[in-house]
């Protein structure tokens, strides 16, 4: 598990260095994009579902705001919440990523005292699959908006 975490951290650092060079001037402040938000239902391979929150670069701030065309296609980050920590505790992190042109998606699954870490990892992966599928779906709010060659993973604690 440590190897996977180290690999994910390295992938994140590479993505940050290569995908958004404009961030080189500093990322302490919010980026140039307004932040849109959505709650989505993601379907697993076995047909069951879970909820995830998505923060993305938008034309204006708020729920279900239109995706910012200037950010297309955007890299995406799947984010894993901490042990017994709700995703809402990471709102500022997800919004900050979105303000810099990233799509940030976070599963709300496996939030109890006895989480399945393998199921949690699979749900994080399924979040990225969801984004790629939505990007390729005509009429979707994400149509053409996701750069499926620029996926990353991040998280805290779990």
N, C-alpha and C. Protein backbone atom coordinates (compact mmCIF):
# COMPACT_ATOMS: atom_id res chain seq x y z
N UNK A 1 0.82 -1.19 0.00
CA UNK A 1 0.00 0.00 0.00
C UNK A 1 0.87 1.26 0.00
N UNK A 2 2.01 1.22 0.72
CA UNK A 2 2.90 2.37 0.75
C UNK A 2 3.47 2.65 -0.63
N UNK A 3 3.79 1.57 -1.36
CA UNK A 3 4.32 1.74 -2.71
C UNK A 3 3.30 2.45 -3.59
N UNK A 4 2.04 2.05 -3.48
CA UNK A 4 0.98 2.67 -4.28
C UNK A 4 0.82 4.14 -3.90
N UNK A 5 0.91 4.45 -2.60
CA UNK A 5 0.78 5.84 -2.17
C UNK A 5 1.95 6.68 -2.68
N UNK A 6 3.15 6.13 -2.63
CA UNK A 6 4.32 6.85 -3.13
C UNK A 6 4.21 7.07 -4.63
N UNK A 7 3.74 6.06 -5.34
CA UNK A 7 3.56 6.17 -6.78
C UNK A 7 2.53 7.24 -7.11
N UNK A 8 1.44 7.27 -6.35
CA UNK A 8 0.40 8.29 -6.58
C UNK A 8 0.95 9.68 -6.31
N UNK A 9 1.75 9.82 -5.26
CA UNK A 9 2.34 11.12 -4.94
C UNK A 9 3.28 11.57 -6.05
N UNK A 10 4.07 10.65 -6.58
CA UNK A 10 4.98 10.99 -7.68
C UNK A 10 4.19 11.38 -8.92
N UNK A 11 3.13 10.66 -9.21
CA UNK A 11 2.30 10.97 -10.38
C UNK A 11 1.70 12.37 -10.24
N UNK A 12 1.28 12.69 -9.03
CA UNK A 12 0.69 14.01 -8.77
C UNK A 12 1.73 15.11 -9.01
N UNK A 13 2.95 14.91 -8.51
CA UNK A 13 3.99 15.91 -8.68
C UNK A 13 4.34 16.10 -10.16
N UNK A 14 4.41 15.01 -10.90
CA UNK A 14 4.69 15.10 -12.33
C UNK A 14 3.56 15.85 -13.04
N UNK A 15 2.32 15.53 -12.69
CA UNK A 15 1.17 16.20 -13.30
C UNK A 15 1.21 17.69 -13.01
N UNK A 16 1.51 18.05 -11.78
CA UNK A 16 1.57 19.46 -11.42
C UNK A 16 2.69 20.17 -12.20
N UNK A 17 3.80 19.49 -12.42
CA UNK A 17 4.92 20.11 -13.11
C UNK A 17 4.70 20.23 -14.61
N UNK A 18 4.01 19.25 -15.20
CA UNK A 18 3.88 19.21 -16.65
C UNK A 18 2.56 19.76 -17.19
N UNK A 19 1.49 19.52 -16.47
CA UNK A 19 0.17 19.81 -17.02
C UNK A 19 -0.18 21.29 -16.98
N UNK A 20 0.19 21.97 -15.92
CA UNK A 20 -0.17 23.37 -15.78
C UNK A 20 1.04 24.25 -15.49
N UNK A 21 1.92 24.45 -16.50
CA UNK A 21 3.12 25.27 -16.28
C UNK A 21 2.79 26.70 -15.87
N UNK A 22 1.61 27.19 -16.18
CA UNK A 22 1.24 28.55 -15.81
C UNK A 22 1.18 28.72 -14.30
N UNK A 23 1.13 27.62 -13.57
CA UNK A 23 1.05 27.68 -12.13
C UNK A 23 2.42 27.98 -11.51
N UNK A 24 3.46 28.03 -12.31
CA UNK A 24 4.82 28.19 -11.80
C UNK A 24 5.00 29.47 -11.00
N UNK A 25 4.18 30.48 -11.25
CA UNK A 25 4.29 31.74 -10.53
C UNK A 25 3.79 31.65 -9.11
N UNK A 26 3.20 30.55 -8.71
CA UNK A 26 2.69 30.39 -7.35
C UNK A 26 1.24 29.96 -7.35
N UNK A 27 0.93 29.12 -6.42
CA UNK A 27 -0.44 28.59 -6.37
C UNK A 27 -1.10 28.83 -5.02
N UNK A 28 -0.54 29.74 -4.22
CA UNK A 28 -1.15 30.01 -2.92
C UNK A 28 -2.53 30.63 -3.07
N UNK A 29 -2.66 31.56 -3.98
CA UNK A 29 -3.94 32.23 -4.21
C UNK A 29 -4.79 31.38 -5.15
N UNK A 30 -6.05 31.67 -5.20
CA UNK A 30 -6.95 30.98 -6.12
C UNK A 30 -6.51 31.24 -7.55
N UNK A 31 -6.80 30.29 -8.42
CA UNK A 31 -6.45 30.42 -9.82
C UNK A 31 -7.42 31.30 -10.58
N UNK A 32 -7.29 31.33 -11.91
CA UNK A 32 -8.07 32.25 -12.73
C UNK A 32 -9.51 31.82 -13.02
N UNK A 33 -9.88 30.59 -12.65
CA UNK A 33 -11.22 30.10 -13.00
C UNK A 33 -12.18 30.19 -11.82
N UNK A 34 -13.44 30.47 -12.14
CA UNK A 34 -14.53 30.33 -11.16
C UNK A 34 -14.70 28.83 -10.92
N UNK A 35 -15.31 28.47 -9.82
CA UNK A 35 -15.46 27.06 -9.47
C UNK A 35 -16.92 26.64 -9.53
N UNK A 36 -17.17 25.62 -10.35
CA UNK A 36 -18.49 25.01 -10.43
C UNK A 36 -18.54 23.77 -9.55
N UNK A 37 -19.72 23.37 -9.18
CA UNK A 37 -19.85 22.19 -8.32
C UNK A 37 -21.04 21.34 -8.74
N UNK A 38 -20.86 20.05 -8.56
CA UNK A 38 -21.93 19.08 -8.83
C UNK A 38 -21.77 17.89 -7.92
N UNK A 39 -22.89 17.27 -7.63
CA UNK A 39 -22.90 15.97 -6.97
C UNK A 39 -23.32 14.99 -8.05
N UNK A 40 -22.57 13.90 -8.20
CA UNK A 40 -22.84 12.95 -9.27
C UNK A 40 -22.99 11.54 -8.71
N UNK A 41 -23.64 10.70 -9.47
CA UNK A 41 -23.76 9.29 -9.13
C UNK A 41 -22.86 8.50 -10.07
N UNK A 42 -21.94 7.76 -9.48
CA UNK A 42 -20.99 6.96 -10.25
C UNK A 42 -21.38 5.50 -10.14
N UNK A 43 -21.37 4.81 -11.29
CA UNK A 43 -21.72 3.39 -11.31
C UNK A 43 -20.45 2.54 -11.34
N UNK A 44 -20.40 1.57 -10.43
CA UNK A 44 -19.29 0.61 -10.39
C UNK A 44 -19.50 -0.46 -11.45
N UNK A 45 -18.45 -1.24 -11.70
CA UNK A 45 -18.52 -2.32 -12.68
C UNK A 45 -19.59 -3.34 -12.34
N UNK A 46 -19.87 -3.53 -11.04
CA UNK A 46 -20.89 -4.51 -10.64
C UNK A 46 -22.32 -3.95 -10.68
N UNK A 47 -22.46 -2.69 -11.11
CA UNK A 47 -23.77 -2.09 -11.24
C UNK A 47 -24.22 -1.28 -10.03
N UNK A 48 -23.56 -1.42 -8.89
CA UNK A 48 -23.91 -0.61 -7.73
C UNK A 48 -23.40 0.81 -7.95
N UNK A 49 -23.89 1.74 -7.15
CA UNK A 49 -23.53 3.14 -7.34
C UNK A 49 -23.03 3.78 -6.04
N UNK A 50 -22.40 4.91 -6.18
CA UNK A 50 -22.01 5.74 -5.04
C UNK A 50 -22.03 7.19 -5.49
N UNK A 51 -22.01 8.08 -4.54
CA UNK A 51 -22.03 9.50 -4.81
C UNK A 51 -20.62 10.08 -4.76
N UNK A 52 -20.37 11.03 -5.62
CA UNK A 52 -19.10 11.75 -5.61
C UNK A 52 -19.40 13.24 -5.80
N UNK A 53 -18.51 14.06 -5.30
CA UNK A 53 -18.62 15.50 -5.52
C UNK A 53 -17.58 15.89 -6.55
N UNK A 54 -17.95 16.84 -7.40
CA UNK A 54 -17.05 17.31 -8.45
C UNK A 54 -16.94 18.83 -8.34
N UNK A 55 -15.72 19.31 -8.37
CA UNK A 55 -15.44 20.74 -8.47
C UNK A 55 -14.64 20.91 -9.76
N UNK A 56 -15.00 21.93 -10.53
CA UNK A 56 -14.42 22.07 -11.87
C UNK A 56 -14.32 23.53 -12.27
N UNK A 57 -13.44 23.84 -13.24
CA UNK A 57 -13.35 25.22 -13.73
C UNK A 57 -14.65 25.57 -14.46
N UNK A 58 -15.23 26.69 -14.08
CA UNK A 58 -16.55 27.04 -14.61
C UNK A 58 -16.57 28.47 -15.14
N UNK A 59 -17.61 28.76 -15.91
CA UNK A 59 -17.80 30.11 -16.44
C UNK A 59 -18.20 31.08 -15.33
N UNK A 60 -18.90 30.55 -14.31
CA UNK A 60 -19.29 31.33 -13.15
C UNK A 60 -19.33 30.38 -11.96
N UNK A 61 -19.22 30.93 -10.78
CA UNK A 61 -19.21 30.09 -9.58
C UNK A 61 -20.60 29.57 -9.25
N UNK A 62 -20.65 28.33 -8.73
CA UNK A 62 -21.91 27.82 -8.23
C UNK A 62 -22.26 26.43 -8.72
N UNK A 63 -23.36 25.95 -8.18
CA UNK A 63 -23.84 24.61 -8.51
C UNK A 63 -24.29 24.54 -9.97
N UNK A 64 -23.84 23.51 -10.64
CA UNK A 64 -24.22 23.23 -12.03
C UNK A 64 -23.87 24.34 -13.02
N UNK A 65 -22.88 25.15 -12.68
CA UNK A 65 -22.45 26.21 -13.59
C UNK A 65 -21.85 25.59 -14.85
N UNK A 66 -21.97 26.26 -15.99
CA UNK A 66 -21.37 25.74 -17.22
C UNK A 66 -19.85 25.61 -17.11
N UNK A 67 -19.32 24.57 -17.70
CA UNK A 67 -17.88 24.32 -17.71
C UNK A 67 -17.17 25.43 -18.46
N UNK A 68 -16.01 25.86 -18.01
CA UNK A 68 -15.24 26.91 -18.66
C UNK A 68 -14.57 26.37 -19.92
N UNK A 69 -14.97 26.87 -21.06
CA UNK A 69 -14.40 26.41 -22.33
C UNK A 69 -12.89 26.62 -22.38
N UNK A 70 -12.40 27.68 -21.73
CA UNK A 70 -10.96 27.97 -21.74
C UNK A 70 -10.14 26.91 -21.03
N UNK A 71 -10.77 26.09 -20.22
CA UNK A 71 -10.05 25.04 -19.48
C UNK A 71 -10.06 23.70 -20.21
N UNK A 72 -10.79 23.61 -21.32
CA UNK A 72 -10.94 22.34 -22.03
C UNK A 72 -9.72 22.02 -22.88
N UNK A 73 -9.34 20.77 -22.93
CA UNK A 73 -9.71 19.70 -22.03
C UNK A 73 -8.89 19.81 -20.74
N UNK A 74 -9.53 19.59 -19.63
CA UNK A 74 -8.90 19.77 -18.32
C UNK A 74 -8.38 18.46 -17.76
N UNK A 75 -7.24 18.51 -17.07
CA UNK A 75 -6.76 17.33 -16.35
C UNK A 75 -7.69 17.06 -15.17
N UNK A 76 -7.69 15.86 -14.66
CA UNK A 76 -8.57 15.50 -13.55
C UNK A 76 -7.80 14.82 -12.43
N UNK A 77 -8.26 15.08 -11.21
CA UNK A 77 -7.69 14.49 -10.02
C UNK A 77 -8.80 13.80 -9.24
N UNK A 78 -8.59 12.54 -8.92
CA UNK A 78 -9.51 11.85 -8.02
C UNK A 78 -8.94 12.00 -6.62
N UNK A 79 -9.79 12.38 -5.67
CA UNK A 79 -9.32 12.70 -4.33
C UNK A 79 -9.94 11.74 -3.32
N UNK A 80 -9.11 11.20 -2.45
CA UNK A 80 -9.58 10.30 -1.41
C UNK A 80 -9.61 10.97 -0.05
N UNK A 81 -10.77 10.96 0.57
CA UNK A 81 -10.93 11.57 1.89
C UNK A 81 -10.20 10.76 2.96
N UNK A 82 -10.03 11.35 4.11
CA UNK A 82 -9.37 10.68 5.22
C UNK A 82 -10.29 9.74 5.97
N UNK A 83 -9.71 8.94 6.85
CA UNK A 83 -10.44 7.99 7.68
C UNK A 83 -11.48 8.74 8.52
N UNK A 84 -12.72 8.33 8.42
CA UNK A 84 -13.91 8.93 9.06
C UNK A 84 -13.98 10.45 8.91
N UNK A 85 -13.42 10.96 7.85
CA UNK A 85 -13.47 12.39 7.57
C UNK A 85 -14.35 12.63 6.34
N UNK A 86 -15.41 13.40 6.48
CA UNK A 86 -16.29 13.63 5.33
C UNK A 86 -15.61 14.47 4.25
N UNK A 87 -16.03 14.27 3.04
CA UNK A 87 -15.47 15.00 1.90
C UNK A 87 -15.64 16.50 2.08
N UNK A 88 -16.67 16.92 2.77
CA UNK A 88 -16.89 18.36 2.99
C UNK A 88 -15.70 19.03 3.67
N UNK A 89 -14.90 18.29 4.40
CA UNK A 89 -13.72 18.86 5.06
C UNK A 89 -12.63 19.25 4.06
N UNK A 90 -12.75 18.78 2.83
CA UNK A 90 -11.75 19.04 1.80
C UNK A 90 -12.26 20.00 0.73
N UNK A 91 -13.36 20.66 0.99
CA UNK A 91 -13.97 21.55 0.01
C UNK A 91 -12.98 22.59 -0.50
N UNK A 92 -12.21 23.19 0.38
CA UNK A 92 -11.28 24.24 -0.05
C UNK A 92 -10.18 23.67 -0.95
N UNK A 93 -9.74 22.45 -0.68
CA UNK A 93 -8.72 21.81 -1.52
C UNK A 93 -9.27 21.53 -2.91
N UNK A 94 -10.46 20.96 -2.96
CA UNK A 94 -11.08 20.64 -4.25
C UNK A 94 -11.35 21.90 -5.06
N UNK A 95 -11.86 22.94 -4.39
CA UNK A 95 -12.14 24.20 -5.07
C UNK A 95 -10.86 24.87 -5.56
N UNK A 96 -9.81 24.78 -4.78
CA UNK A 96 -8.53 25.38 -5.18
C UNK A 96 -8.01 24.72 -6.46
N UNK A 97 -8.05 23.40 -6.50
CA UNK A 97 -7.63 22.68 -7.71
C UNK A 97 -8.46 23.12 -8.91
N UNK A 98 -9.78 23.21 -8.73
CA UNK A 98 -10.66 23.61 -9.83
C UNK A 98 -10.35 25.03 -10.29
N UNK A 99 -10.01 25.91 -9.37
CA UNK A 99 -9.71 27.30 -9.75
C UNK A 99 -8.46 27.38 -10.64
N UNK A 100 -7.62 26.37 -10.56
CA UNK A 100 -6.42 26.32 -11.39
C UNK A 100 -6.62 25.47 -12.66
N UNK A 101 -7.85 25.08 -12.96
CA UNK A 101 -8.13 24.39 -14.21
C UNK A 101 -8.21 22.89 -14.12
N UNK A 102 -8.18 22.33 -12.93
CA UNK A 102 -8.31 20.89 -12.74
C UNK A 102 -9.77 20.53 -12.43
N UNK A 103 -10.17 19.35 -12.88
CA UNK A 103 -11.43 18.78 -12.42
C UNK A 103 -11.07 17.93 -11.22
N UNK A 104 -11.70 18.20 -10.08
CA UNK A 104 -11.43 17.44 -8.86
C UNK A 104 -12.69 16.67 -8.49
N UNK A 105 -12.57 15.35 -8.38
CA UNK A 105 -13.71 14.51 -8.04
C UNK A 105 -13.36 13.69 -6.81
N UNK A 106 -14.29 13.63 -5.88
CA UNK A 106 -14.04 12.93 -4.61
C UNK A 106 -15.22 12.03 -4.27
N UNK A 107 -14.94 10.75 -4.12
CA UNK A 107 -15.98 9.81 -3.71
C UNK A 107 -16.36 10.06 -2.25
N UNK A 108 -17.62 9.85 -1.94
CA UNK A 108 -18.07 9.95 -0.56
C UNK A 108 -18.19 8.57 0.08
N UNK A 109 -17.76 7.54 -0.62
CA UNK A 109 -17.91 6.16 -0.14
C UNK A 109 -16.88 5.83 0.94
N UNK A 110 -17.10 4.73 1.61
CA UNK A 110 -16.18 4.17 2.62
C UNK A 110 -15.88 5.16 3.74
N UNK A 111 -16.92 5.80 4.25
CA UNK A 111 -16.73 6.80 5.29
C UNK A 111 -16.89 6.29 6.71
N UNK A 112 -17.15 5.02 6.90
CA UNK A 112 -17.40 4.50 8.25
C UNK A 112 -16.13 4.10 8.98
N UNK A 113 -16.33 3.44 10.13
CA UNK A 113 -15.20 3.01 10.96
C UNK A 113 -14.48 1.78 10.43
N UNK A 114 -15.09 1.04 9.52
CA UNK A 114 -14.48 -0.17 8.99
C UNK A 114 -14.48 -0.14 7.47
N UNK A 115 -13.76 0.83 6.87
CA UNK A 115 -13.77 0.95 5.42
C UNK A 115 -12.99 -0.17 4.75
N UNK A 116 -13.40 -0.46 3.54
CA UNK A 116 -12.62 -1.37 2.69
C UNK A 116 -11.68 -0.51 1.86
N UNK A 117 -10.41 -0.62 2.14
CA UNK A 117 -9.44 0.21 1.42
C UNK A 117 -9.37 -0.16 -0.05
N UNK A 118 -9.52 -1.43 -0.37
CA UNK A 118 -9.49 -1.82 -1.78
C UNK A 118 -10.73 -1.31 -2.50
N UNK A 119 -11.88 -1.35 -1.84
CA UNK A 119 -13.10 -0.81 -2.45
C UNK A 119 -13.00 0.70 -2.62
N UNK A 120 -12.38 1.36 -1.66
CA UNK A 120 -12.18 2.80 -1.73
C UNK A 120 -11.29 3.16 -2.93
N UNK A 121 -10.20 2.42 -3.09
CA UNK A 121 -9.30 2.65 -4.23
C UNK A 121 -10.04 2.42 -5.55
N UNK A 122 -10.86 1.38 -5.59
CA UNK A 122 -11.63 1.11 -6.81
C UNK A 122 -12.62 2.23 -7.10
N UNK A 123 -13.24 2.77 -6.05
CA UNK A 123 -14.17 3.88 -6.24
C UNK A 123 -13.45 5.13 -6.74
N UNK A 124 -12.25 5.36 -6.23
CA UNK A 124 -11.47 6.50 -6.72
C UNK A 124 -11.16 6.33 -8.21
N UNK A 125 -10.80 5.10 -8.59
CA UNK A 125 -10.54 4.81 -10.01
C UNK A 125 -11.83 4.99 -10.82
N UNK A 126 -12.94 4.50 -10.30
CA UNK A 126 -14.22 4.61 -11.01
C UNK A 126 -14.63 6.07 -11.20
N UNK A 127 -14.21 6.95 -10.29
CA UNK A 127 -14.49 8.38 -10.46
C UNK A 127 -13.84 8.90 -11.74
N UNK A 128 -12.60 8.50 -11.99
CA UNK A 128 -11.92 8.94 -13.21
C UNK A 128 -12.56 8.33 -14.45
N UNK A 129 -12.96 7.08 -14.34
CA UNK A 129 -13.67 6.42 -15.45
C UNK A 129 -14.96 7.18 -15.76
N UNK A 130 -15.68 7.58 -14.72
CA UNK A 130 -16.91 8.36 -14.89
C UNK A 130 -16.63 9.65 -15.67
N UNK A 131 -15.58 10.37 -15.26
CA UNK A 131 -15.26 11.63 -15.95
C UNK A 131 -14.94 11.39 -17.42
N UNK A 132 -14.15 10.36 -17.72
CA UNK A 132 -13.80 10.05 -19.11
C UNK A 132 -15.05 9.69 -19.92
N UNK A 133 -15.95 8.93 -19.31
CA UNK A 133 -17.19 8.56 -20.00
C UNK A 133 -18.05 9.78 -20.28
N UNK A 134 -18.17 10.66 -19.28
CA UNK A 134 -18.98 11.87 -19.46
C UNK A 134 -18.39 12.78 -20.53
N UNK A 135 -17.08 12.84 -20.60
CA UNK A 135 -16.42 13.67 -21.59
C UNK A 135 -16.72 13.18 -23.01
N UNK A 136 -16.88 11.87 -23.16
CA UNK A 136 -17.16 11.29 -24.47
C UNK A 136 -18.64 11.14 -24.79
N UNK A 137 -19.51 11.64 -23.91
CA UNK A 137 -20.95 11.50 -24.11
C UNK A 137 -21.53 12.79 -24.68
N UNK A 138 -22.13 12.69 -25.85
CA UNK A 138 -22.75 13.85 -26.49
C UNK A 138 -23.84 14.42 -25.58
N UNK A 139 -23.81 15.73 -25.39
CA UNK A 139 -24.81 16.41 -24.59
C UNK A 139 -24.51 16.45 -23.10
N UNK A 140 -23.45 15.77 -22.67
CA UNK A 140 -23.07 15.78 -21.26
C UNK A 140 -22.52 17.15 -20.87
N UNK A 141 -22.66 17.53 -19.62
CA UNK A 141 -22.10 18.79 -19.15
C UNK A 141 -20.57 18.79 -19.24
N UNK A 142 -19.96 17.62 -19.38
CA UNK A 142 -18.52 17.49 -19.51
C UNK A 142 -18.07 17.12 -20.93
N UNK A 143 -18.96 17.16 -21.88
CA UNK A 143 -18.62 16.74 -23.25
C UNK A 143 -17.35 17.46 -23.73
N UNK A 144 -16.32 16.66 -24.04
CA UNK A 144 -15.06 17.19 -24.55
C UNK A 144 -14.23 17.94 -23.52
N UNK A 145 -14.64 17.92 -22.26
CA UNK A 145 -13.98 18.73 -21.24
C UNK A 145 -12.87 18.07 -20.46
N UNK A 146 -12.67 16.77 -20.63
CA UNK A 146 -11.72 16.03 -19.79
C UNK A 146 -10.53 15.55 -20.63
N UNK A 147 -9.34 15.81 -20.13
CA UNK A 147 -8.13 15.28 -20.76
C UNK A 147 -7.82 13.94 -20.10
N UNK A 148 -8.27 12.86 -20.72
CA UNK A 148 -8.12 11.52 -20.15
C UNK A 148 -6.67 11.04 -20.15
N UNK A 149 -5.77 11.80 -20.75
CA UNK A 149 -4.34 11.44 -20.69
C UNK A 149 -3.65 12.13 -19.52
N UNK A 150 -4.41 12.93 -18.77
CA UNK A 150 -3.82 13.70 -17.65
C UNK A 150 -4.64 13.46 -16.38
N UNK A 151 -4.61 12.23 -15.89
CA UNK A 151 -5.31 11.88 -14.65
C UNK A 151 -4.30 11.77 -13.51
N UNK A 152 -4.73 12.16 -12.33
CA UNK A 152 -3.91 12.05 -11.14
C UNK A 152 -4.75 11.61 -9.96
N UNK A 153 -4.08 11.27 -8.89
CA UNK A 153 -4.76 10.86 -7.66
C UNK A 153 -4.10 11.56 -6.48
N UNK A 154 -4.92 11.93 -5.52
CA UNK A 154 -4.43 12.56 -4.31
C UNK A 154 -5.37 12.21 -3.18
N UNK A 155 -5.01 12.56 -2.00
CA UNK A 155 -5.88 12.29 -0.88
C UNK A 155 -5.22 12.56 0.44
N UNK A 156 -5.90 12.18 1.50
CA UNK A 156 -5.41 12.42 2.85
C UNK A 156 -5.75 11.25 3.76
N UNK A 157 -4.81 10.79 4.49
CA UNK A 157 -4.98 9.85 5.59
C UNK A 157 -5.30 8.43 5.16
N UNK A 158 -6.42 8.20 4.53
CA UNK A 158 -6.80 6.82 4.19
C UNK A 158 -6.12 6.39 2.90
